[in-house]
PDB file of N, CA and C in Angstrom:
ATOM      1  N   MET A   1     -76.173-164.481 -86.743  1.00  0.00           N
ATOM      2  CA  MET A   1     -76.731-164.674 -87.872  1.00  0.00           C
ATOM      3  C   MET A   1     -78.002-163.552 -87.859  1.00  0.00           C
ATOM      4  N   ARG A   2     -78.029-162.795 -88.809  1.00  0.00           N
ATOM      5  CA  ARG A   2     -79.142-162.194 -88.894  1.00  0.00           C
ATOM      6  C   ARG A   2     -80.483-162.478 -89.396  1.00  0.00           C
ATOM      7  N   GLN A   3     -81.585-161.924 -89.130  1.00  0.00           N
ATOM      8  CA  GLN A   3     -82.752-162.807 -89.749  1.00  0.00           C
ATOM      9  C   GLN A   3     -82.819-162.963 -91.258  1.00  0.00           C
ATOM     10  N   ASP A   4     -82.066-162.387 -92.044  1.00  0.00           N
ATOM     11  CA  ASP A   4     -82.047-162.559 -93.397  1.00  0.00           C
ATOM     12  C   ASP A   4     -81.342-163.828 -93.770  1.00  0.00           C
ATOM     13  N   GLY A   5     -80.721-164.215 -92.723  1.00  0.00           N
ATOM     14  CA  GLY A   5     -79.761-165.412 -92.861  1.00  0.00           C
ATOM     15  C   GLY A   5     -78.279-164.933 -93.182  1.00  0.00           C
ATOM     16  N   GLY A   6     -77.733-163.483 -93.045  1.00  0.00           N
ATOM     17  CA  GLY A   6     -76.664-163.142 -93.088  1.00  0.00           C
ATOM     18  C   GLY A   6     -75.845-163.499 -91.797  1.00  0.00           C
ATOM     19  N   VAL A   7     -74.390-163.793 -92.073  1.00  0.00           N
ATOM     20  CA  VAL A   7     -73.715-164.148 -90.980  1.00  0.00           C
ATOM     21  C   VAL A   7     -73.084-162.824 -90.455  1.00  0.00           C
ATOM     22  N   VAL A   8     -73.129-162.726 -89.124  1.00  0.00           N
ATOM     23  CA  VAL A   8     -72.517-161.463 -88.557  1.00  0.00           C
ATOM     24  C   VAL A   8     -71.231-161.865 -87.813  1.00  0.00           C
ATOM     25  N   ALA A   9     -71.089-162.938 -87.206  1.00  0.00           N
ATOM     26  CA  ALA A   9     -69.691-163.469 -86.709  1.00  0.00           C
ATOM     27  C   ALA A   9     -69.600-164.861 -86.691  1.00  0.00           C
ATOM     28  N   ILE A  10     -68.204-165.137 -86.755  1.00  0.00           N
ATOM     29  CA  ILE A  10     -67.915-166.560 -86.227  1.00  0.00           C
ATOM     30  C   ILE A  10     -67.121-166.808 -85.258  1.00  0.00           C
ATOM     31  N   ARG A  11     -67.384-167.851 -84.600  1.00  0.00           N
ATOM     32  CA  ARG A  11     -66.500-167.829 -83.307  1.00  0.00           C
ATOM     33  C   ARG A  11     -65.619-169.522 -83.469  1.00  0.00           C
ATOM     34  N   ARG A  12     -64.625-169.440 -82.745  1.00  0.00           N
ATOM     35  CA  ARG A  12     -63.905-170.624 -82.790  1.00  0.00           C
ATOM     36  C   ARG A  12     -64.179-171.590 -81.408  1.00  0.00           C
ATOM     37  N   ILE A  13     -64.085-172.885 -81.261  1.00  0.00           N
ATOM     38  CA  ILE A  13     -64.188-173.520 -79.993  1.00  0.00           C
ATOM     39  C   ILE A  13     -63.112-173.958 -79.654  1.00  0.00           C
ATOM     40  N   THR A  14     -62.482-173.932 -78.735  1.00  0.00           N
ATOM     41  CA  THR A  14     -61.131-174.691 -78.077  1.00  0.00           C
ATOM     42  C   THR A  14     -61.301-175.569 -76.858  1.00  0.00           C
ATOM     43  N   VAL A  15     -60.985-176.570 -76.827  1.00  0.00           N
ATOM     44  CA  VAL A  15     -60.998-177.456 -75.577  1.00  0.00           C
ATOM     45  C   VAL A  15     -59.675-177.818 -75.196  1.00  0.00           C
ATOM     46  N   ASP A  16     -59.146-177.259 -73.964  1.00  0.00           N
ATOM     47  CA  ASP A  16     -57.788-177.591 -73.464  1.00  0.00           C
ATOM     48  C   ASP A  16     -56.724-176.986 -74.475  1.00  0.00           C
ATOM     49  N   ASN A  17     -57.126-175.791 -74.985  1.00  0.00           N
ATOM     50  CA  ASN A  17     -56.244-174.968 -75.752  1.00  0.00           C
ATOM     51  C   ASN A  17     -55.991-175.614 -77.291  1.00  0.00           C
ATOM     52  N   SER A  18     -56.998-176.820 -77.446  1.00  0.00           N
ATOM     53  CA  SER A  18     -56.897-177.116 -78.742  1.00  0.00           C
ATOM     54  C   SER A  18     -58.116-177.061 -79.546  1.00  0.00           C
ATOM     55  N   PRO A  19     -58.233-176.420 -80.829  1.00  0.00           N
ATOM     56  CA  PRO A  19     -59.452-176.012 -81.585  1.00  0.00           C
ATOM     57  C   PRO A  19     -60.219-177.257 -82.074  1.00  0.00           C
ATOM     58  N   ILE A  20     -61.544-177.243 -81.924  1.00  0.00           N
ATOM     59  CA  ILE A  20     -62.506-178.228 -82.603  1.00  0.00           C
ATOM     60  C   ILE A  20     -62.926-177.777 -83.880  1.00  0.00           C
ATOM     61  N   ASP A  21     -62.318-178.385 -84.879  1.00  0.00           N
ATOM     62  CA  ASP A  21     -62.598-178.038 -86.364  1.00  0.00           C
ATOM     63  C   ASP A  21     -64.000-178.915 -86.656  1.00  0.00           C
ATOM     64  N   ASN A  22     -64.912-178.578 -87.474  1.00  0.00           N
ATOM     65  CA  ASN A  22     -66.083-179.037 -88.049  1.00  0.00           C
ATOM     66  C   ASN A  22     -66.621-179.537 -86.829  1.00  0.00           C
ATOM     67  N   ALA A  23     -67.285-178.891 -85.834  1.00  0.00           N
ATOM     68  CA  ALA A  23     -67.926-179.411 -84.642  1.00  0.00           C
ATOM     69  C   ALA A  23     -69.579-178.708 -85.306  1.00  0.00           C
ATOM     70  N   SER A  24     -70.445-179.785 -84.787  1.00  0.00           N
ATOM     71  CA  SER A  24     -71.832-179.608 -85.263  1.00  0.00           C
ATOM     72  C   SER A  24     -72.759-179.196 -84.006  1.00  0.00           C
ATOM     73  N   LEU A  25     -73.338-178.304 -84.242  1.00  0.00           N
ATOM     74  CA  LEU A  25     -74.412-177.858 -82.914  1.00  0.00           C
ATOM     75  C   LEU A  25     -75.504-178.861 -82.959  1.00  0.00           C
ATOM     76  N   ASN A  26     -75.743-179.304 -81.826  1.00  0.00           N
ATOM     77  CA  ASN A  26     -76.726-180.168 -81.511  1.00  0.00           C
ATOM     78  C   ASN A  26     -77.850-179.661 -80.848  1.00  0.00           C
ATOM     79  N   GLY A  27     -77.973-178.720 -80.114  1.00  0.00           N
ATOM     80  CA  GLY A  27     -79.059-178.137 -79.663  1.00  0.00           C
ATOM     81  C   GLY A  27     -78.801-176.658 -79.203  1.00  0.00           C
ATOM     82  N   ILE A  28     -79.777-176.057 -78.779  1.00  0.00           N
ATOM     83  CA  ILE A  28     -79.877-174.479 -78.438  1.00  0.00           C
ATOM     84  C   ILE A  28     -81.182-174.412 -77.241  1.00  0.00           C
ATOM     85  N   ALA A  29     -80.668-173.587 -76.077  1.00  0.00           N
ATOM     86  CA  ALA A  29     -81.744-173.464 -75.280  1.00  0.00           C
ATOM     87  C   ALA A  29     -81.585-172.050 -74.217  1.00  0.00           C
ATOM     88  N   THR A  30     -82.453-171.532 -73.823  1.00  0.00           N
ATOM     89  CA  THR A  30     -82.077-170.365 -73.010  1.00  0.00           C
ATOM     90  C   THR A  30     -82.617-170.504 -71.554  1.00  0.00           C
ATOM     91  N   SER A  31     -81.895-169.837 -70.719  1.00  0.00           N
ATOM     92  CA  SER A  31     -82.176-169.680 -69.334  1.00  0.00           C
ATOM     93  C   SER A  31     -83.552-169.203 -68.920  1.00  0.00           C
ATOM     94  N   THR A  32     -84.098-169.521 -67.864  1.00  0.00           N
ATOM     95  CA  THR A  32     -85.448-169.114 -67.749  1.00  0.00           C
ATOM     96  C   THR A  32     -85.647-167.689 -67.550  1.00  0.00           C
ATOM     97  N   ASP A  33     -84.495-166.812 -67.108  1.00  0.00           N
ATOM     98  CA  ASP A  33     -84.330-165.383 -67.137  1.00  0.00           C
ATOM     99  C   ASP A  33     -84.019-164.746 -68.510  1.00  0.00           C
ATOM    100  N   GLY A  34     -83.803-165.513 -69.339  1.00  0.00           N
ATOM    101  CA  GLY A  34     -83.397-164.941 -70.962  1.00  0.00           C
ATOM    102  C   GLY A  34     -82.117-164.025 -70.926  1.00  0.00           C
ATOM    103  N   THR A  35     -81.098-164.522 -69.862  1.00  0.00           N
ATOM    104  CA  THR A  35     -79.889-163.836 -69.993  1.00  0.00           C
ATOM    105  C   THR A  35     -78.966-164.609 -70.525  1.00  0.00           C
ATOM    106  N   THR A  36     -78.981-166.094 -70.624  1.00  0.00           N
ATOM    107  CA  THR A  36     -78.019-166.870 -71.113  1.00  0.00           C
ATOM    108  C   THR A  36     -78.470-167.817 -72.129  1.00  0.00           C
ATOM    109  N   ILE A  37     -77.972-168.151 -73.132  1.00  0.00           N
ATOM    110  CA  ILE A  37     -78.198-169.015 -74.256  1.00  0.00           C
ATOM    111  C   ILE A  37     -77.106-170.159 -74.036  1.00  0.00           C
ATOM    112  N   TYR A  38     -77.692-171.412 -73.922  1.00  0.00           N
ATOM    113  CA  TYR A  38     -76.866-172.591 -73.879  1.00  0.00           C
ATOM    114  C   TYR A  38     -76.800-173.380 -75.274  1.00  0.00           C
ATOM    115  N   VAL A  39     -75.693-173.410 -75.674  1.00  0.00           N
ATOM    116  CA  VAL A  39     -75.445-174.198 -76.801  1.00  0.00           C
ATOM    117  C   VAL A  39     -74.488-175.689 -76.875  1.00  0.00           C
ATOM    118  N   THR A  40     -75.015-176.716 -77.399  1.00  0.00           N
ATOM    119  CA  THR A  40     -74.395-177.832 -77.137  1.00  0.00           C
ATOM    120  C   THR A  40     -73.802-178.253 -78.523  1.00  0.00           C
ATOM    121  N   PHE A  41     -72.792-178.991 -78.506  1.00  0.00           N
ATOM    122  CA  PHE A  41     -72.009-179.211 -79.637  1.00  0.00           C
ATOM    123  C   PHE A  41     -71.381-180.377 -79.667  1.00  0.00           C
ATOM    124  N   ILE A  42     -71.043-181.267 -80.842  1.00  0.00           N
ATOM    125  CA  ILE A  42     -69.941-182.245 -80.873  1.00  0.00           C
ATOM    126  C   ILE A  42     -69.038-182.222 -81.786  1.00  0.00           C
ATOM    127  N   GLY A  43     -68.038-182.679 -81.614  1.00  0.00           N
ATOM    128  CA  GLY A  43     -66.755-182.713 -82.586  1.00  0.00           C
ATOM    129  C   GLY A  43     -66.924-183.592 -83.436  1.00  0.00           C
ATOM    130  N   PRO A  44     -66.046-183.585 -84.552  1.00  0.00           N
ATOM    131  CA  PRO A  44     -66.148-184.464 -85.775  1.00  0.00           C
ATOM    132  C   PRO A  44     -65.964-186.191 -85.327  1.00  0.00           C
ATOM    133  N   GLY A  45     -65.016-186.145 -84.355  1.00  0.00           N
ATOM    134  CA  GLY A  45     -64.627-187.452 -83.916  1.00  0.00           C
ATOM    135  C   GLY A  45     -65.722-188.146 -82.832  1.00  0.00           C
ATOM    136  N   LYS A  46     -66.882-187.479 -82.606  1.00  0.00           N
ATOM    137  CA  LYS A  46     -68.021-187.965 -81.800  1.00  0.00           C
ATOM    138  C   LYS A  46     -67.668-188.253 -80.286  1.00  0.00           C
ATOM    139  N   ASP A  47     -66.200-188.068 -80.172  1.00  0.00           N
ATOM    140  CA  ASP A  47     -65.960-188.084 -78.760  1.00  0.00           C
ATOM    141  C   ASP A  47     -65.296-186.898 -78.111  1.00  0.00           C
ATOM    142  N   GLN A  48     -65.562-185.605 -78.592  1.00  0.00           N
ATOM    143  CA  GLN A  48     -65.299-184.106 -78.083  1.00  0.00           C
ATOM    144  C   GLN A  48     -66.733-183.697 -78.348  1.00  0.00           C
ATOM    145  N   GLY A  49     -67.246-182.971 -77.332  1.00  0.00           N
ATOM    146  CA  GLY A  49     -68.425-182.257 -77.197  1.00  0.00           C
ATOM    147  C   GLY A  49     -68.377-181.269 -75.982  1.00  0.00           C
ATOM    148  N   GLY A  50     -69.590-180.672 -75.817  1.00  0.00           N
ATOM    149  CA  GLY A  50     -69.777-180.142 -74.502  1.00  0.00           C
ATOM    150  C   GLY A  50     -71.026-178.840 -74.790  1.00  0.00           C
ATOM    151  N   VAL A  51     -71.208-178.009 -73.568  1.00  0.00           N
ATOM    152  CA  VAL A  51     -72.033-177.220 -73.788  1.00  0.00           C
ATOM    153  C   VAL A  51     -71.440-175.841 -73.340  1.00  0.00           C
ATOM    154  N   LEU A  52     -71.855-175.020 -74.258  1.00  0.00           N
ATOM    155  CA  LEU A  52     -71.367-173.527 -74.209  1.00  0.00           C
ATOM    156  C   LEU A  52     -72.257-172.810 -73.568  1.00  0.00           C
ATOM    157  N   ALA A  53     -72.128-171.569 -72.685  1.00  0.00           N
ATOM    158  CA  ALA A  53     -73.115-170.887 -72.004  1.00  0.00           C
ATOM    159  C   ALA A  53     -72.792-169.432 -72.515  1.00  0.00           C
ATOM    160  N   LEU A  54     -73.337-168.743 -73.260  1.00  0.00           N
ATOM    161  CA  LEU A  54     -73.125-167.456 -73.791  1.00  0.00           C
ATOM    162  C   LEU A  54     -74.052-166.427 -73.522  1.00  0.00           C
ATOM    163  N   PRO A  55     -73.579-165.215 -73.146  1.00  0.00           N
ATOM    164  CA  PRO A  55     -74.607-164.156 -72.841  1.00  0.00           C
ATOM    165  C   PRO A  55     -75.347-163.851 -73.832  1.00  0.00           C
ATOM    166  N   ALA A  56     -76.855-163.569 -73.709  1.00  0.00           N
ATOM    167  CA  ALA A  56     -77.694-163.630 -74.663  1.00  0.00           C
ATOM    168  C   ALA A  56     -77.619-162.192 -75.306  1.00  0.00           C
ATOM    169  N   PHE A  57     -77.231-160.892 -74.754  1.00  0.00           N
ATOM    170  CA  PHE A  57     -77.012-159.749 -75.335  1.00  0.00           C
ATOM    171  C   PHE A  57     -75.703-159.079 -74.806  1.00  0.00           C
TER     172      PHE A  57
END
């Protein structure tokens, strides 16, 4: 997402080769060295969720 709110890219989340549709973002954090972004999410059924580790750049 750009600073003006424009969408740059959309990613799909899969768990055990099954897509999770309508997932909600719970939280976002960075590593202490700033190289990794951690994102927590939960699926629509509230029984699916996890933490994604993403490279910052």
